[in-house]
PDB file of N, CA and C in Angstrom:
ATOM      1  N   MET A   1       5.814   3.619 -33.706  1.00  0.00           N
ATOM      2  CA  MET A   1       5.765   2.609 -32.659  1.00  0.00           C
ATOM      3  C   MET A   1       6.682   1.462 -33.047  1.00  0.00           C
ATOM      4  N   GLY A   2       7.440   0.969 -32.128  1.00  0.00           N
ATOM      5  CA  GLY A   2       8.309  -0.158 -32.398  1.00  0.00           C
ATOM      6  C   GLY A   2       9.616   0.256 -33.055  1.00  0.00           C
ATOM      7  N   CYS A   3      10.362  -0.751 -33.483  1.00  0.00           N
ATOM      8  CA  CYS A   3      11.667  -0.514 -34.104  1.00  0.00           C
ATOM      9  C   CYS A   3      11.892  -1.576 -35.172  1.00  0.00           C
ATOM     10  N   GLY A   4      13.059  -1.519 -35.811  1.00  0.00           N
ATOM     11  CA  GLY A   4      13.380  -2.501 -36.829  1.00  0.00           C
ATOM     12  C   GLY A   4      13.493  -3.914 -36.283  1.00  0.00           C
ATOM     13  N   SER A   5      13.963  -4.054 -35.049  1.00  0.00           N
ATOM     14  CA  SER A   5      14.130  -5.381 -34.442  1.00  0.00           C
ATOM     15  C   SER A   5      12.813  -6.099 -34.211  1.00  0.00           C
ATOM     16  N   CYS A   6      11.765  -5.341 -33.971  1.00  0.00           N
ATOM     17  CA  CYS A   6      10.463  -5.963 -33.690  1.00  0.00           C
ATOM     18  C   CYS A   6       9.513  -5.852 -34.877  1.00  0.00           C
ATOM     19  N   GLY A   7      10.020  -5.381 -36.017  1.00  0.00           N
ATOM     20  CA  GLY A   7       9.156  -5.235 -37.190  1.00  0.00           C
ATOM     21  C   GLY A   7       8.110  -4.159 -36.999  1.00  0.00           C
ATOM     22  N   LYS A   8       8.444  -3.141 -36.207  1.00  0.00           N
ATOM     23  CA  LYS A   8       7.537  -2.008 -35.911  1.00  0.00           C
ATOM     24  C   LYS A   8       6.268  -2.428 -35.169  1.00  0.00           C
ATOM     25  N   THR A   9       6.306  -3.577 -34.491  1.00  0.00           N
ATOM     26  CA  THR A   9       5.134  -4.026 -33.736  1.00  0.00           C
ATOM     27  C   THR A   9       5.205  -3.655 -32.267  1.00  0.00           C
ATOM     28  N   GLY A  10       6.410  -3.503 -31.724  1.00  0.00           N
ATOM     29  CA  GLY A  10       6.560  -3.223 -30.306  1.00  0.00           C
ATOM     30  C   GLY A  10       6.453  -4.457 -29.439  1.00  0.00           C
ATOM     31  N   TYR A  11       6.469  -5.649 -30.062  1.00  0.00           N
ATOM     32  CA  TYR A  11       6.224  -6.861 -29.291  1.00  0.00           C
ATOM     33  C   TYR A  11       7.368  -7.846 -29.212  1.00  0.00           C
ATOM     34  N   ARG A  12       8.448  -7.653 -29.867  1.00  0.00           N
ATOM     35  CA  ARG A  12       9.539  -8.621 -29.801  1.00  0.00           C
ATOM     36  C   ARG A  12      10.117  -8.683 -28.387  1.00  0.00           C
ATOM     37  N   GLY A  13      10.211  -9.886 -27.864  1.00  0.00           N
ATOM     38  CA  GLY A  13      10.810 -10.080 -26.554  1.00  0.00           C
ATOM     39  C   GLY A  13       9.866  -9.880 -25.386  1.00  0.00           C
ATOM     40  N   ARG A  14       8.632  -9.590 -25.650  1.00  0.00           N
ATOM     41  CA  ARG A  14       7.687  -9.418 -24.544  1.00  0.00           C
ATOM     42  C   ARG A  14       7.138 -10.765 -24.110  1.00  0.00           C
ATOM     43  N   PHE A  15       6.683 -10.821 -22.872  1.00  0.00           N
ATOM     44  CA  PHE A  15       6.073 -12.034 -22.356  1.00  0.00           C
ATOM     45  C   PHE A  15       4.984 -11.653 -21.368  1.00  0.00           C
ATOM     46  N   ALA A  16       4.145 -12.600 -21.072  1.00  0.00           N
ATOM     47  CA  ALA A  16       3.027 -12.361 -20.154  1.00  0.00           C
ATOM     48  C   ALA A  16       3.443 -12.671 -18.724  1.00  0.00           C
ATOM     49  N   ILE A  17       2.866 -11.933 -17.809  1.00  0.00           N
ATOM     50  CA  ILE A  17       2.970 -12.243 -16.388  1.00  0.00           C
ATOM     51  C   ILE A  17       1.606 -12.805 -16.012  1.00  0.00           C
ATOM     52  N   HIS A  18       1.580 -13.985 -15.461  1.00  0.00           N
ATOM     53  CA  HIS A  18       0.297 -14.603 -15.159  1.00  0.00           C
ATOM     54  C   HIS A  18       0.389 -15.468 -13.910  1.00  0.00           C
ATOM     55  N   GLU A  19      -0.759 -15.738 -13.372  1.00  0.00           N
ATOM     56  CA  GLU A  19      -0.889 -16.643 -12.230  1.00  0.00           C
ATOM     57  C   GLU A  19      -2.115 -17.507 -12.444  1.00  0.00           C
ATOM     58  N   VAL A  20      -2.143 -18.615 -11.770  1.00  0.00           N
ATOM     59  CA  VAL A  20      -3.305 -19.487 -11.780  1.00  0.00           C
ATOM     60  C   VAL A  20      -3.986 -19.346 -10.430  1.00  0.00           C
ATOM     61  N   LEU A  21      -5.269 -19.061 -10.467  1.00  0.00           N
ATOM     62  CA  LEU A  21      -6.038 -18.916  -9.232  1.00  0.00           C
ATOM     63  C   LEU A  21      -6.469 -20.293  -8.741  1.00  0.00           C
ATOM     64  N   THR A  22      -5.954 -20.688  -7.594  1.00  0.00           N
ATOM     65  CA  THR A  22      -6.417 -21.910  -6.942  1.00  0.00           C
ATOM     66  C   THR A  22      -7.659 -21.545  -6.158  1.00  0.00           C
ATOM     67  N   VAL A  23      -8.763 -22.190  -6.484  1.00  0.00           N
ATOM     68  CA  VAL A  23     -10.042 -21.826  -5.877  1.00  0.00           C
ATOM     69  C   VAL A  23     -10.197 -22.533  -4.534  1.00  0.00           C
ATOM     70  N   SER A  24     -10.051 -21.749  -3.471  1.00  0.00           N
ATOM     71  CA  SER A  24     -10.263 -22.274  -2.119  1.00  0.00           C
ATOM     72  C   SER A  24     -11.770 -22.332  -1.853  1.00  0.00           C
ATOM     73  N   GLU A  25     -12.136 -22.937  -0.752  1.00  0.00           N
ATOM     74  CA  GLU A  25     -13.562 -23.000  -0.395  1.00  0.00           C
ATOM     75  C   GLU A  25     -14.143 -21.600  -0.233  1.00  0.00           C
ATOM     76  N   GLU A  26     -13.373 -20.714   0.375  1.00  0.00           N
ATOM     77  CA  GLU A  26     -13.853 -19.344   0.586  1.00  0.00           C
ATOM     78  C   GLU A  26     -14.060 -18.627  -0.752  1.00  0.00           C
ATOM     79  N   VAL A  27     -13.134 -18.779  -1.662  1.00  0.00           N
ATOM     80  CA  VAL A  27     -13.264 -18.158  -2.981  1.00  0.00           C
ATOM     81  C   VAL A  27     -14.438 -18.780  -3.728  1.00  0.00           C
ATOM     82  N   GLU A  28     -14.596 -20.076  -3.634  1.00  0.00           N
ATOM     83  CA  GLU A  28     -15.722 -20.744  -4.286  1.00  0.00           C
ATOM     84  C   GLU A  28     -17.057 -20.192  -3.781  1.00  0.00           C
ATOM     85  N   ARG A  29     -17.159 -20.004  -2.470  1.00  0.00           N
ATOM     86  CA  ARG A  29     -18.401 -19.441  -1.904  1.00  0.00           C
ATOM     87  C   ARG A  29     -18.676 -18.052  -2.481  1.00  0.00           C
ATOM     88  N   LEU A  30     -17.633 -17.244  -2.596  1.00  0.00           N
ATOM     89  CA  LEU A  30     -17.808 -15.900  -3.161  1.00  0.00           C
ATOM     90  C   LEU A  30     -18.244 -15.960  -4.619  1.00  0.00           C
ATOM     91  N   ILE A  31     -17.662 -16.868  -5.379  1.00  0.00           N
ATOM     92  CA  ILE A  31     -18.035 -17.006  -6.789  1.00  0.00           C
ATOM     93  C   ILE A  31     -19.482 -17.444  -6.920  1.00  0.00           C
ATOM     94  N   VAL A  32     -19.874 -18.443  -6.144  1.00  0.00           N
ATOM     95  CA  VAL A  32     -21.250 -18.939  -6.190  1.00  0.00           C
ATOM     96  C   VAL A  32     -22.233 -17.847  -5.779  1.00  0.00           C
ATOM     97  N   ALA A  33     -21.827 -17.024  -4.803  1.00  0.00           N
ATOM     98  CA  ALA A  33     -22.693 -15.935  -4.330  1.00  0.00           C
ATOM     99  C   ALA A  33     -22.643 -14.719  -5.264  1.00  0.00           C
ATOM    100  N   ARG A  34     -21.879 -14.822  -6.365  1.00  0.00           N
ATOM    101  CA  ARG A  34     -21.736 -13.729  -7.323  1.00  0.00           C
ATOM    102  C   ARG A  34     -21.221 -12.445  -6.657  1.00  0.00           C
ATOM    103  N   ALA A  35     -20.237 -12.617  -5.787  1.00  0.00           N
ATOM    104  CA  ALA A  35     -19.640 -11.479  -5.091  1.00  0.00           C
ATOM    105  C   ALA A  35     -18.930 -10.578  -6.091  1.00  0.00           C
ATOM    106  N   HIS A  36     -18.797  -9.322  -5.750  1.00  0.00           N
ATOM    107  CA  HIS A  36     -18.106  -8.349  -6.590  1.00  0.00           C
ATOM    108  C   HIS A  36     -16.639  -8.766  -6.725  1.00  0.00           C
ATOM    109  N   SER A  37     -16.050  -8.501  -7.871  1.00  0.00           N
ATOM    110  CA  SER A  37     -14.670  -8.916  -8.127  1.00  0.00           C
ATOM    111  C   SER A  37     -13.677  -8.330  -7.118  1.00  0.00           C
ATOM    112  N   GLU A  38     -13.952  -7.139  -6.620  1.00  0.00           N
ATOM    113  CA  GLU A  38     -13.057  -6.540  -5.619  1.00  0.00           C
ATOM    114  C   GLU A  38     -13.045  -7.350  -4.330  1.00  0.00           C
ATOM    115  N   GLU A  39     -14.180  -7.923  -3.979  1.00  0.00           N
ATOM    116  CA  GLU A  39     -14.253  -8.755  -2.772  1.00  0.00           C
ATOM    117  C   GLU A  39     -13.446 -10.045  -2.973  1.00  0.00           C
ATOM    118  N   VAL A  40     -13.583 -10.640  -4.156  1.00  0.00           N
ATOM    119  CA  VAL A  40     -12.805 -11.843  -4.473  1.00  0.00           C
ATOM    120  C   VAL A  40     -11.318 -11.506  -4.468  1.00  0.00           C
ATOM    121  N   LYS A  41     -10.954 -10.387  -5.073  1.00  0.00           N
ATOM    122  CA  LYS A  41      -9.551  -9.973  -5.123  1.00  0.00           C
ATOM    123  C   LYS A  41      -8.976  -9.810  -3.720  1.00  0.00           C
ATOM    124  N   LYS A  42      -9.757  -9.213  -2.843  1.00  0.00           N
ATOM    125  CA  LYS A  42      -9.308  -9.002  -1.462  1.00  0.00           C
ATOM    126  C   LYS A  42      -8.987 -10.336  -0.783  1.00  0.00           C
ATOM    127  N   VAL A  43      -9.831 -11.331  -1.018  1.00  0.00           N
ATOM    128  CA  VAL A  43      -9.632 -12.640  -0.399  1.00  0.00           C
ATOM    129  C   VAL A  43      -8.415 -13.349  -0.999  1.00  0.00           C
ATOM    130  N   VAL A  44      -8.289 -13.347  -2.330  1.00  0.00           N
ATOM    131  CA  VAL A  44      -7.172 -14.075  -2.931  1.00  0.00           C
ATOM    132  C   VAL A  44      -5.834 -13.413  -2.615  1.00  0.00           C
ATOM    133  N   VAL A  45      -5.812 -12.103  -2.499  1.00  0.00           N
ATOM    134  CA  VAL A  45      -4.576 -11.420  -2.101  1.00  0.00           C
ATOM    135  C   VAL A  45      -4.226 -11.790  -0.669  1.00  0.00           C
ATOM    136  N   ALA A  46      -5.226 -11.846   0.203  1.00  0.00           N
ATOM    137  CA  ALA A  46      -4.993 -12.246   1.595  1.00  0.00           C
ATOM    138  C   ALA A  46      -4.481 -13.688   1.673  1.00  0.00           C
ATOM    139  N   GLN A  47      -4.853 -14.502   0.685  1.00  0.00           N
ATOM    140  CA  GLN A  47      -4.402 -15.895   0.641  1.00  0.00           C
ATOM    141  C   GLN A  47      -3.043 -16.026  -0.045  1.00  0.00           C
ATOM    142  N   GLY A  48      -2.465 -14.903  -0.467  1.00  0.00           N
ATOM    143  CA  GLY A  48      -1.111 -14.929  -0.993  1.00  0.00           C
ATOM    144  C   GLY A  48      -0.950 -14.779  -2.488  1.00  0.00           C
ATOM    145  N   MET A  49      -2.025 -14.557  -3.210  1.00  0.00           N
ATOM    146  CA  MET A  49      -1.920 -14.425  -4.658  1.00  0.00           C
ATOM    147  C   MET A  49      -1.734 -12.968  -5.052  1.00  0.00           C
ATOM    148  N   THR A  50      -0.613 -12.653  -5.671  1.00  0.00           N
ATOM    149  CA  THR A  50      -0.420 -11.304  -6.199  1.00  0.00           C
ATOM    150  C   THR A  50       0.292 -11.386  -7.535  1.00  0.00           C
ATOM    151  N   LEU A  51      -0.217 -10.698  -8.503  1.00  0.00           N
ATOM    152  CA  LEU A  51       0.414 -10.650  -9.807  1.00  0.00           C
ATOM    153  C   LEU A  51       1.763  -9.956  -9.712  1.00  0.00           C
ATOM    154  N   ARG A  52       1.873  -9.008  -8.811  1.00  0.00           N
ATOM    155  CA  ARG A  52       3.139  -8.313  -8.613  1.00  0.00           C
ATOM    156  C   ARG A  52       4.235  -9.297  -8.203  1.00  0.00           C
ATOM    157  N   GLN A  53       3.905 -10.235  -7.335  1.00  0.00           N
ATOM    158  CA  GLN A  53       4.886 -11.229  -6.894  1.00  0.00           C
ATOM    159  C   GLN A  53       5.378 -12.052  -8.075  1.00  0.00           C
ATOM    160  N   ALA A  54       4.477 -12.428  -8.962  1.00  0.00           N
ATOM    161  CA  ALA A  54       4.879 -13.175 -10.159  1.00  0.00           C
ATOM    162  C   ALA A  54       5.817 -12.327 -11.010  1.00  0.00           C
ATOM    163  N   GLY A  55       5.523 -11.048 -11.132  1.00  0.00           N
ATOM    164  CA  GLY A  55       6.383 -10.143 -11.890  1.00  0.00           C
ATOM    165  C   GLY A  55       7.745  -9.967 -11.249  1.00  0.00           C
ATOM    166  N   LEU A  56       7.766  -9.862  -9.927  1.00  0.00           N
ATOM    167  CA  LEU A  56       9.038  -9.718  -9.220  1.00  0.00           C
ATOM    168  C   LEU A  56       9.919 -10.951  -9.415  1.00  0.00           C
ATOM    169  N   TYR A  57       9.288 -12.098  -9.493  1.00  0.00           N
ATOM    170  CA  TYR A  57      10.030 -13.326  -9.760  1.00  0.00           C
ATOM    171  C   TYR A  57      10.692 -13.238 -11.141  1.00  0.00           C
ATOM    172  N   GLN A  58       9.946 -12.749 -12.136  1.00  0.00           N
ATOM    173  CA  GLN A  58      10.503 -12.594 -13.484  1.00  0.00           C
ATOM    174  C   GLN A  58      11.664 -11.602 -13.487  1.00  0.00           C
ATOM    175  N   ALA A  59      11.534 -10.531 -12.721  1.00  0.00           N
ATOM    176  CA  ALA A  59      12.618  -9.545 -12.628  1.00  0.00           C
ATOM    177  C   ALA A  59      13.849 -10.171 -11.967  1.00  0.00           C
ATOM    178  N   ALA A  60      13.645 -10.971 -10.944  1.00  0.00           N
ATOM    179  CA  ALA A  60      14.758 -11.633 -10.260  1.00  0.00           C
ATOM    180  C   ALA A  60      15.475 -12.612 -11.185  1.00  0.00           C
ATOM    181  N   GLN A  61      14.748 -13.172 -12.134  1.00  0.00           N
ATOM    182  CA  GLN A  61      15.333 -14.085 -13.107  1.00  0.00           C
ATOM    183  C   GLN A  61      16.062 -13.340 -14.224  1.00  0.00           C
ATOM    184  N   GLY A  62      15.970 -12.002 -14.211  1.00  0.00           N
ATOM    185  CA  GLY A  62      16.639 -11.190 -15.225  1.00  0.00           C
ATOM    186  C   GLY A  62      15.881 -11.087 -16.532  1.00  0.00           C
ATOM    187  N   LEU A  63      14.600 -11.474 -16.523  1.00  0.00           N
ATOM    188  CA  LEU A  63      13.801 -11.451 -17.746  1.00  0.00           C
ATOM    189  C   LEU A  63      13.184 -10.088 -18.029  1.00  0.00           C
ATOM    190  N   THR A  64      13.101  -9.255 -17.021  1.00  0.00           N
ATOM    191  CA  THR A  64      12.553  -7.913 -17.161  1.00  0.00           C
ATOM    192  C   THR A  64      13.137  -7.052 -16.057  1.00  0.00           C
ATOM    193  N   SER A  65      12.775  -5.799 -16.049  1.00  0.00           N
ATOM    194  CA  SER A  65      13.295  -4.904 -15.009  1.00  0.00           C
ATOM    195  C   SER A  65      12.238  -4.663 -13.928  1.00  0.00           C
ATOM    196  N   LEU A  66      12.706  -4.308 -12.770  1.00  0.00           N
ATOM    197  CA  LEU A  66      11.806  -3.955 -11.686  1.00  0.00           C
ATOM    198  C   LEU A  66      10.941  -2.770 -12.076  1.00  0.00           C
ATOM    199  N   ALA A  67      11.547  -1.791 -12.760  1.00  0.00           N
ATOM    200  CA  ALA A  67      10.793  -0.609 -13.196  1.00  0.00           C
ATOM    201  C   ALA A  67       9.635  -1.001 -14.110  1.00  0.00           C
ATOM    202  N   GLU A  68       9.852  -1.956 -14.997  1.00  0.00           N
ATOM    203  CA  GLU A  68       8.785  -2.384 -15.903  1.00  0.00           C
ATOM    204  C   GLU A  68       7.667  -3.072 -15.146  1.00  0.00           C
ATOM    205  N   ILE A  69       7.997  -3.897 -14.187  1.00  0.00           N
ATOM    206  CA  ILE A  69       6.964  -4.579 -13.391  1.00  0.00           C
ATOM    207  C   ILE A  69       6.128  -3.554 -12.629  1.00  0.00           C
ATOM    208  N   LEU A  70       6.784  -2.611 -11.984  1.00  0.00           N
ATOM    209  CA  LEU A  70       6.058  -1.593 -11.224  1.00  0.00           C
ATOM    210  C   LEU A  70       5.219  -0.700 -12.137  1.00  0.00           C
ATOM    211  N   ARG A  71       5.616  -0.561 -13.389  1.00  0.00           N
ATOM    212  CA  ARG A  71       4.860   0.250 -14.347  1.00  0.00           C
ATOM    213  C   ARG A  71       3.562  -0.438 -14.766  1.00  0.00           C
ATOM    214  N   VAL A  72       3.591  -1.757 -14.928  1.00  0.00           N
ATOM    215  CA  VAL A  72       2.436  -2.445 -15.509  1.00  0.00           C
ATOM    216  C   VAL A  72       1.537  -3.160 -14.503  1.00  0.00           C
ATOM    217  N   VAL A  73       2.010  -3.386 -13.290  1.00  0.00           N
ATOM    218  CA  VAL A  73       1.213  -4.115 -12.300  1.00  0.00           C
ATOM    219  C   VAL A  73       0.778  -3.173 -11.197  1.00  0.00           C
ATOM    220  N   ASP A  74      -0.525  -3.171 -10.909  1.00  0.00           N
ATOM    221  CA  ASP A  74      -1.018  -2.275  -9.843  1.00  0.00           C
ATOM    222  C   ASP A  74      -0.874  -2.881  -8.480  1.00  0.00           C
TER     223      ASP A  74
END
């Protein structure tokens, strides 16, 4: 696993793809009601939050490839 450049760790040059969830009133109600995570996910995606979009932004910046984003983000 890995190569000489990464010290056999496989991690040199990697970075995280992340987003911050802004809690809307609707999302807050779901959290308080202990809704299933899939229900919360459905609402936040409908409100425009997608991890894929964050990854596509990184690919557009030339930091990673489109193929890598599609491989790791569902």
